Amino acid sequence: MSNRSRGQRGEELAAQYLVSQGYAIVCRNYRGERGEIDLIAFRHGLLLFAEVKYRQDLTQGHPAEAITLRKLWLSISPAARALPLPHSSLTPSALSSCPDRHHS
């Protein structure tokens, strides 16, 4: 299995988990000016930004170790700032700029 296939599989598993927890997936692979966010999910007025790191084992380290402050600052922060305000009025349809919208 290629790295890309593994990554897609990991993102699908993560999306399925979030849906099972009551989230709606409003965007996959959101590409902003400075990077990509794998999943953006919505539940009860809360947006969740997910960077998915799929591992078959921990020989490459824990997935959380691969998410750096740089990734958070460059990718998630600009995406959050681009959202309509006030955030309390967000709905899944508010992310109309998502290139590949998947509602669940």
Protein backbone atom coordinates (compact mmCIF):
# COMPACT_ATOMS: atom_id res chain seq x y z
CA MET A 1 0.00 0.00 0.00
CA SER A 2 1.40 3.42 -0.96
CA ASN A 3 1.83 6.24 1.54
CA ARG A 4 -0.94 8.15 -0.20
CA SER A 5 -3.32 5.17 0.07
CA ARG A 6 -2.44 4.78 3.76
CA GLY A 7 -3.09 8.47 4.33
CA GLN A 8 -6.45 8.33 2.57
CA ARG A 9 -7.37 5.24 4.60
CA GLY A 10 -6.40 7.02 7.81
CA GLU A 11 -8.47 10.06 6.89
CA GLU A 12 -11.47 7.87 6.10
CA LEU A 13 -11.16 6.05 9.45
CA ALA A 14 -10.87 9.38 11.25
CA ALA A 15 -13.93 10.76 9.42
CA GLN A 16 -15.94 7.63 10.28
CA TYR A 17 -14.98 7.99 13.93
CA LEU A 18 -15.97 11.66 14.03
CA VAL A 19 -19.32 10.89 12.38
CA SER A 20 -19.91 8.14 14.97
CA GLN A 21 -19.35 10.81 17.63
CA GLY A 22 -22.01 13.07 16.13
CA TYR A 23 -19.85 15.36 13.99
CA ALA A 24 -20.69 16.37 10.44
CA ILE A 25 -17.69 16.36 8.13
CA VAL A 26 -17.89 19.72 6.40
CA CYS A 27 -14.57 19.64 4.60
CA ARG A 28 -11.83 17.23 3.63
CA ASN A 29 -8.38 18.33 2.52
CA TYR A 30 -9.03 22.04 2.95
CA ARG A 31 -6.20 23.83 1.18
CA GLY A 32 -5.42 27.29 2.40
CA GLU A 33 -2.65 29.68 1.44
CA ARG A 34 -0.10 27.97 3.68
CA GLY A 35 -1.08 24.35 3.94
CA GLU A 36 -3.76 21.72 4.14
CA ILE A 37 -6.11 20.58 6.88
CA ASP A 38 -7.19 16.97 6.52
CA LEU A 39 -10.66 17.21 8.07
CA ILE A 40 -12.91 19.96 9.36
CA ALA A 41 -15.89 18.71 11.33
CA PHE A 42 -18.81 20.45 13.00
CA ARG A 43 -20.98 19.59 16.03
CA HIS A 44 -23.08 21.77 18.33
CA GLY A 45 -21.55 25.03 17.08
CA LEU A 46 -18.00 23.69 17.47
CA LEU A 47 -15.53 23.31 14.62
CA LEU A 48 -12.90 20.62 14.93
CA PHE A 49 -9.76 20.83 12.78
CA ALA A 50 -8.14 17.41 12.37
CA GLU A 51 -4.67 16.63 11.12
CA VAL A 52 -4.65 12.88 10.51
CA LYS A 53 -1.44 10.90 11.01
CA TYR A 54 -2.04 7.23 10.29
CA ARG A 55 0.43 4.73 11.73
CA GLN A 56 0.42 0.94 11.60
CA ASP A 57 2.70 0.87 14.63
CA LEU A 58 4.77 3.28 16.69
CA THR A 59 8.18 2.59 15.10
CA GLN A 60 7.97 6.02 13.42
CA GLY A 61 6.83 7.61 16.65
CA HIS A 62 3.45 8.56 18.02
CA PRO A 63 1.21 10.35 15.47
CA ALA A 64 0.84 13.38 17.75
CA GLU A 65 4.61 13.94 17.56
CA ALA A 66 4.28 14.67 13.82
CA ILE A 67 2.02 17.67 14.39
CA THR A 68 4.22 20.66 14.99
CA LEU A 69 3.49 24.16 16.22
CA ARG A 70 4.48 25.31 12.74
CA LYS A 71 1.71 23.15 11.21
CA LEU A 72 -0.81 24.57 13.67
CA TRP A 73 0.25 28.15 13.04
CA LEU A 74 0.55 27.96 9.25
CA SER A 75 -2.46 25.79 8.43
CA ILE A 76 -5.11 25.83 11.11
CA SER A 77 -4.78 29.41 12.30
CA PRO A 78 -5.35 31.00 8.83
CA ALA A 79 -8.26 28.65 8.14
CA ALA A 80 -9.91 29.58 11.42
CA ARG A 81 -9.43 33.29 10.70
CA ALA A 82 -11.05 32.86 7.28
CA LEU A 83 -14.29 31.57 8.78
CA PRO A 84 -17.35 33.80 9.01
CA LEU A 85 -17.93 35.52 12.32
CA PRO A 86 -19.51 35.18 14.76
CA HIS A 87 -18.46 31.56 15.05
CA SER A 88 -21.58 30.84 17.09
CA SER A 89 -23.64 31.23 13.91
CA LEU A 90 -21.62 28.68 11.95
CA THR A 91 -23.39 25.92 10.16
CA PRO A 92 -21.88 23.19 7.99
CA SER A 93 -22.82 25.20 4.91
CA ALA A 94 -20.74 28.17 6.16
CA LEU A 95 -17.57 26.57 4.79
CA SER A 96 -18.51 27.21 1.20
CA SER A 97 -14.88 27.67 0.17
CA CYS A 98 -14.03 24.04 0.84
CA PRO A 99 -12.86 22.47 -2.42
CA ASP A 100 -14.17 19.00 -1.65
CA ARG A 101 -17.17 19.15 0.67
CA HIS A 102 -18.42 15.95 2.24
CA HIS A 103 -21.41 16.19 4.51
CA SER A 104 -22.06 13.27 6.78
